[in-house]
N, C-alpha and C. Protein backbone atom coordinates (compact mmCIF):
# COMPACT_ATOMS: atom_id res chain seq x y z
N GLN A 1 107.67 106.16 82.46
CA GLN A 1 107.73 107.61 82.36
C GLN A 1 106.36 108.22 82.65
N VAL A 2 106.39 109.42 83.18
CA VAL A 2 105.18 110.18 83.47
C VAL A 2 105.31 111.53 82.77
N GLN A 3 104.28 111.92 82.06
CA GLN A 3 104.25 113.23 81.43
C GLN A 3 103.24 114.11 82.17
N LEU A 4 103.60 115.36 82.38
CA LEU A 4 102.76 116.32 83.09
C LEU A 4 102.52 117.54 82.21
N VAL A 5 101.27 117.96 82.12
CA VAL A 5 100.93 119.14 81.34
C VAL A 5 100.09 120.07 82.20
N GLU A 6 100.59 121.30 82.38
CA GLU A 6 99.86 122.29 83.15
C GLU A 6 98.92 123.08 82.24
N SER A 7 97.87 123.63 82.84
CA SER A 7 96.95 124.51 82.12
C SER A 7 96.48 125.58 83.09
N GLY A 8 95.89 126.62 82.51
CA GLY A 8 95.45 127.74 83.33
C GLY A 8 96.55 128.77 83.45
N GLY A 9 96.53 129.54 84.48
CA GLY A 9 97.50 130.61 84.63
C GLY A 9 97.03 131.86 83.90
N GLY A 10 97.85 132.91 83.97
CA GLY A 10 97.51 134.15 83.31
C GLY A 10 97.73 135.34 84.21
N LEU A 11 97.03 136.42 83.89
CA LEU A 11 97.17 137.68 84.62
C LEU A 11 95.95 137.91 85.50
N VAL A 12 96.18 138.28 86.76
CA VAL A 12 95.09 138.56 87.68
C VAL A 12 95.50 139.71 88.58
N GLU A 13 94.52 140.49 89.01
CA GLU A 13 94.80 141.62 89.89
C GLU A 13 95.02 141.14 91.33
N PRO A 14 95.76 141.89 92.12
CA PRO A 14 95.93 141.53 93.53
C PRO A 14 94.58 141.38 94.23
N GLY A 15 94.49 140.34 95.04
CA GLY A 15 93.24 140.03 95.72
C GLY A 15 92.34 139.10 94.95
N GLY A 16 92.66 138.86 93.70
CA GLY A 16 91.84 138.01 92.85
C GLY A 16 92.15 136.54 93.00
N SER A 17 91.47 135.76 92.18
CA SER A 17 91.61 134.30 92.22
C SER A 17 91.96 133.79 90.84
N LEU A 18 92.64 132.67 90.82
CA LEU A 18 93.04 132.02 89.58
C LEU A 18 93.17 130.53 89.87
N ARG A 19 93.04 129.74 88.83
CA ARG A 19 93.15 128.28 88.99
C ARG A 19 94.07 127.73 87.92
N VAL A 20 95.05 126.97 88.36
CA VAL A 20 95.88 126.22 87.43
C VAL A 20 95.62 124.74 87.69
N SER A 21 95.91 123.92 86.70
CA SER A 21 95.70 122.50 86.85
C SER A 21 96.78 121.73 86.12
N CYS A 22 96.93 120.48 86.48
CA CYS A 22 97.96 119.63 85.90
C CYS A 22 97.34 118.27 85.61
N ALA A 23 97.63 117.75 84.43
CA ALA A 23 97.17 116.43 84.05
C ALA A 23 98.36 115.53 83.79
N ALA A 24 98.32 114.35 84.36
CA ALA A 24 99.40 113.38 84.18
C ALA A 24 98.99 112.30 83.20
N SER A 25 99.96 111.84 82.44
CA SER A 25 99.73 110.74 81.51
C SER A 25 100.94 109.82 81.53
N GLY A 26 100.90 108.79 80.74
CA GLY A 26 101.96 107.80 80.78
C GLY A 26 101.69 106.85 81.94
N ARG A 27 102.66 106.62 82.79
CA ARG A 27 102.50 105.73 83.93
C ARG A 27 101.91 106.49 85.12
N ALA A 28 100.80 107.19 84.84
CA ALA A 28 100.22 108.05 85.86
C ALA A 28 99.72 107.28 87.08
N SER A 29 99.32 106.02 86.88
CA SER A 29 98.81 105.23 88.01
C SER A 29 99.90 104.90 89.01
N SER A 30 101.15 105.08 88.63
CA SER A 30 102.26 104.78 89.54
C SER A 30 102.62 105.96 90.44
N ILE A 31 101.97 107.10 90.22
CA ILE A 31 102.32 108.31 90.97
C ILE A 31 101.96 108.18 92.44
N TYR A 32 102.88 108.60 93.31
CA TYR A 32 102.58 108.66 94.73
C TYR A 32 102.33 110.10 95.16
N GLY A 33 103.36 110.91 95.13
CA GLY A 33 103.21 112.32 95.49
C GLY A 33 102.97 113.17 94.25
N MET A 34 102.16 114.21 94.41
CA MET A 34 101.85 115.10 93.29
C MET A 34 101.57 116.48 93.83
N GLY A 35 102.07 117.50 93.17
CA GLY A 35 101.82 118.84 93.68
C GLY A 35 102.42 119.92 92.81
N TRP A 36 102.77 121.02 93.47
CA TRP A 36 103.19 122.22 92.75
C TRP A 36 104.41 122.88 93.40
N TYR A 37 105.29 123.39 92.57
CA TYR A 37 106.38 124.28 92.93
C TYR A 37 106.20 125.56 92.11
N ARG A 38 106.94 126.58 92.48
CA ARG A 38 106.94 127.81 91.69
C ARG A 38 108.32 128.44 91.70
N GLN A 39 108.59 129.24 90.67
CA GLN A 39 109.88 129.93 90.57
C GLN A 39 109.66 131.33 90.05
N ALA A 40 110.02 132.30 90.87
CA ALA A 40 109.95 133.69 90.47
C ALA A 40 111.27 134.11 89.83
N PRO A 41 111.26 135.14 89.00
CA PRO A 41 112.49 135.59 88.35
C PRO A 41 113.58 135.89 89.36
N GLY A 42 114.77 135.34 89.13
CA GLY A 42 115.89 135.60 90.02
C GLY A 42 115.87 134.84 91.32
N LYS A 43 114.90 133.95 91.49
CA LYS A 43 114.79 133.21 92.75
C LYS A 43 114.84 131.71 92.49
N GLN A 44 115.09 130.96 93.56
CA GLN A 44 115.10 129.51 93.44
C GLN A 44 113.68 128.97 93.38
N ARG A 45 113.58 127.79 92.79
CA ARG A 45 112.27 127.12 92.77
C ARG A 45 111.90 126.74 94.19
N GLU A 46 110.63 126.98 94.55
CA GLU A 46 110.19 126.71 95.91
C GLU A 46 108.90 125.91 95.93
N LEU A 47 108.71 125.19 97.01
CA LEU A 47 107.51 124.38 97.18
C LEU A 47 106.29 125.26 97.36
N VAL A 48 105.20 124.91 96.67
CA VAL A 48 103.90 125.50 96.94
C VAL A 48 103.10 124.54 97.82
N GLY A 49 102.99 123.31 97.38
CA GLY A 49 102.31 122.30 98.16
C GLY A 49 102.33 120.97 97.44
N VAL A 50 102.27 119.89 98.20
CA VAL A 50 102.23 118.56 97.63
C VAL A 50 101.20 117.73 98.36
N THR A 51 100.69 116.72 97.68
CA THR A 51 99.69 115.84 98.27
C THR A 51 100.05 114.39 98.00
N VAL A 52 99.64 113.52 98.90
CA VAL A 52 99.88 112.09 98.79
C VAL A 52 98.54 111.37 98.63
N PRO A 53 98.55 110.07 98.31
CA PRO A 53 97.29 109.39 97.96
C PRO A 53 96.18 109.48 98.99
N ASP A 54 96.51 109.58 100.28
CA ASP A 54 95.42 109.62 101.26
C ASP A 54 94.77 111.00 101.34
N GLY A 55 95.22 111.94 100.52
CA GLY A 55 94.64 113.27 100.48
C GLY A 55 95.35 114.29 101.34
N THR A 56 96.28 113.84 102.15
CA THR A 56 97.04 114.77 102.99
C THR A 56 97.85 115.72 102.11
N ALA A 57 97.80 117.00 102.45
CA ALA A 57 98.54 118.00 101.70
C ALA A 57 99.40 118.83 102.65
N ASN A 58 100.58 119.17 102.19
CA ASN A 58 101.46 120.06 102.92
C ASN A 58 101.69 121.30 102.08
N TYR A 59 101.66 122.46 102.73
CA TYR A 59 101.75 123.73 102.02
C TYR A 59 102.92 124.56 102.53
N ALA A 60 103.43 125.40 101.66
CA ALA A 60 104.36 126.42 102.12
C ALA A 60 103.61 127.42 102.99
N PRO A 61 104.22 127.92 104.06
CA PRO A 61 103.51 128.88 104.93
C PRO A 61 102.99 130.10 104.17
N SER A 62 103.67 130.51 103.13
CA SER A 62 103.26 131.71 102.41
C SER A 62 101.95 131.55 101.65
N VAL A 63 101.52 130.31 101.41
CA VAL A 63 100.28 130.09 100.65
C VAL A 63 99.20 129.40 101.47
N SER A 64 99.55 128.92 102.64
CA SER A 64 98.59 128.20 103.49
C SER A 64 97.38 129.08 103.79
N GLY A 65 96.20 128.52 103.59
CA GLY A 65 94.97 129.27 103.80
C GLY A 65 94.48 130.00 102.57
N ARG A 66 95.33 130.14 101.57
CA ARG A 66 94.92 130.83 100.33
C ARG A 66 94.87 129.87 99.15
N PHE A 67 95.75 128.90 99.12
CA PHE A 67 95.81 127.92 98.04
C PHE A 67 95.32 126.57 98.59
N THR A 68 94.68 125.79 97.74
CA THR A 68 94.20 124.47 98.15
C THR A 68 94.54 123.45 97.07
N ILE A 69 95.27 122.43 97.47
CA ILE A 69 95.63 121.36 96.54
C ILE A 69 94.70 120.18 96.75
N SER A 70 94.16 119.68 95.67
CA SER A 70 93.42 118.44 95.73
C SER A 70 93.94 117.55 94.61
N ARG A 71 93.61 116.31 94.63
CA ARG A 71 94.03 115.44 93.54
C ARG A 71 92.90 114.51 93.15
N ASP A 72 92.82 114.24 91.87
CA ASP A 72 91.83 113.33 91.32
C ASP A 72 92.62 112.15 90.76
N ASP A 73 92.69 111.07 91.52
CA ASP A 73 93.49 109.93 91.09
C ASP A 73 92.82 109.13 89.99
N TYR A 74 91.54 109.38 89.77
CA TYR A 74 90.87 108.69 88.65
C TYR A 74 91.27 109.32 87.32
N HIS A 75 91.27 110.65 87.31
CA HIS A 75 91.64 111.36 86.08
C HIS A 75 93.12 111.76 86.08
N HIS A 76 93.81 111.51 87.18
CA HIS A 76 95.24 111.84 87.30
C HIS A 76 95.47 113.34 87.10
N THR A 77 94.70 114.14 87.80
CA THR A 77 94.86 115.58 87.74
C THR A 77 95.08 116.15 89.14
N VAL A 78 95.71 117.30 89.19
CA VAL A 78 95.88 118.00 90.46
C VAL A 78 95.63 119.48 90.21
N PRO A 79 94.41 119.95 90.49
CA PRO A 79 94.12 121.37 90.34
C PRO A 79 94.65 122.17 91.52
N LEU A 80 94.91 123.45 91.27
CA LEU A 80 95.40 124.35 92.31
C LEU A 80 94.60 125.65 92.24
N PRO A 81 93.51 125.73 92.97
CA PRO A 81 92.81 127.01 93.07
C PRO A 81 93.59 127.95 93.99
N MET A 82 93.76 129.18 93.54
CA MET A 82 94.53 130.16 94.29
C MET A 82 93.65 131.38 94.56
N ASN A 83 93.53 131.75 95.82
CA ASN A 83 92.71 132.89 96.24
C ASN A 83 93.57 133.95 96.90
N SER A 84 93.00 135.14 97.01
CA SER A 84 93.68 136.26 97.68
C SER A 84 95.11 136.41 97.16
N LEU A 85 95.24 136.42 95.86
CA LEU A 85 96.56 136.45 95.25
C LEU A 85 97.27 137.77 95.52
N ARG A 86 98.59 137.68 95.67
CA ARG A 86 99.44 138.83 95.97
C ARG A 86 100.48 138.99 94.87
N PRO A 87 101.02 140.18 94.71
CA PRO A 87 102.07 140.36 93.70
C PRO A 87 103.24 139.39 93.89
N GLU A 88 103.55 139.04 95.12
CA GLU A 88 104.66 138.12 95.37
C GLU A 88 104.34 136.68 94.98
N ASP A 89 103.11 136.40 94.59
CA ASP A 89 102.77 135.08 94.06
C ASP A 89 103.13 134.96 92.58
N THR A 90 103.54 136.06 91.97
CA THR A 90 103.93 136.02 90.57
C THR A 90 105.11 135.08 90.37
N ALA A 91 104.93 134.11 89.48
CA ALA A 91 105.97 133.11 89.26
C ALA A 91 105.53 132.17 88.14
N THR A 92 106.45 131.34 87.71
CA THR A 92 106.10 130.20 86.86
C THR A 92 105.79 129.04 87.79
N TYR A 93 104.63 128.45 87.61
CA TYR A 93 104.18 127.37 88.46
C TYR A 93 104.40 126.04 87.74
N TYR A 94 105.07 125.13 88.44
CA TYR A 94 105.43 123.84 87.88
C TYR A 94 104.72 122.71 88.62
N CYS A 95 104.12 121.82 87.86
CA CYS A 95 103.55 120.60 88.41
C CYS A 95 104.68 119.60 88.62
N VAL A 96 104.59 118.84 89.70
CA VAL A 96 105.61 117.83 90.01
C VAL A 96 104.90 116.55 90.45
N ALA A 97 105.45 115.44 90.05
CA ALA A 97 104.92 114.13 90.45
C ALA A 97 106.08 113.18 90.69
N GLY A 98 105.89 112.29 91.66
CA GLY A 98 106.94 111.34 91.97
C GLY A 98 106.41 109.94 92.12
N ASN A 99 107.23 108.98 91.70
CA ASN A 99 106.93 107.58 91.94
C ASN A 99 108.23 106.88 92.31
N GLY A 100 108.20 105.58 92.31
CA GLY A 100 109.41 104.86 92.70
C GLY A 100 110.59 105.03 91.77
N SER A 101 110.33 105.53 90.57
CA SER A 101 111.40 105.68 89.59
C SER A 101 112.03 107.06 89.59
N GLY A 102 111.36 108.03 90.19
CA GLY A 102 111.94 109.36 90.20
C GLY A 102 110.90 110.46 90.30
N ARG A 103 111.33 111.67 89.97
CA ARG A 103 110.47 112.85 90.03
C ARG A 103 110.32 113.42 88.63
N TYR A 104 109.13 113.86 88.30
CA TYR A 104 108.81 114.38 86.98
C TYR A 104 108.28 115.80 87.10
N TRP A 105 108.57 116.62 86.09
CA TRP A 105 108.17 118.02 86.08
C TRP A 105 107.40 118.36 84.81
N GLY A 106 106.44 119.27 84.95
CA GLY A 106 105.78 119.83 83.79
C GLY A 106 106.61 120.98 83.23
N GLN A 107 106.10 121.59 82.17
CA GLN A 107 106.85 122.65 81.50
C GLN A 107 106.64 124.01 82.16
N GLY A 108 105.65 124.12 83.03
CA GLY A 108 105.40 125.36 83.75
C GLY A 108 104.33 126.20 83.11
N THR A 109 103.63 126.97 83.93
CA THR A 109 102.63 127.92 83.46
C THR A 109 102.80 129.22 84.25
N GLN A 110 102.69 130.34 83.56
CA GLN A 110 102.98 131.62 84.17
C GLN A 110 101.75 132.18 84.88
N VAL A 111 101.97 132.65 86.10
CA VAL A 111 100.95 133.36 86.87
C VAL A 111 101.52 134.73 87.20
N THR A 112 100.80 135.77 86.80
CA THR A 112 101.23 137.14 87.07
C THR A 112 100.14 137.85 87.84
N VAL A 113 100.52 138.43 88.98
CA VAL A 113 99.58 139.15 89.83
C VAL A 113 99.97 140.62 89.80
N SER A 114 99.16 141.42 89.14
CA SER A 114 99.51 142.83 88.95
C SER A 114 98.28 143.60 88.53
N PHE A 115 98.31 144.92 88.77
CA PHE A 115 97.24 145.79 88.28
C PHE A 115 97.47 146.08 86.80
């Protein structure tokens, strides 16, 4: 089993920056893919970006160039710095990790972009 705990999030004005992070525990060394999804009220959960062990990251077009995913495989964390935030980025952000046994989710952290 893998446990994921998100931190960060909160309220930020449009154009501002915010950073969320995720820490994995349990069988964290078995993780292959790790990244972030988000879900806005009334909408389906959508991909933000994911990264694999060689550092390659894939992003949703809506966040490419504004969000950057990195991973620290020593500490088993995946921070998500977010820049140039827009009201449409408002959502609950979920950390996700996968290994050969399945996919794991964190409990989510709220990001609100508003004046």
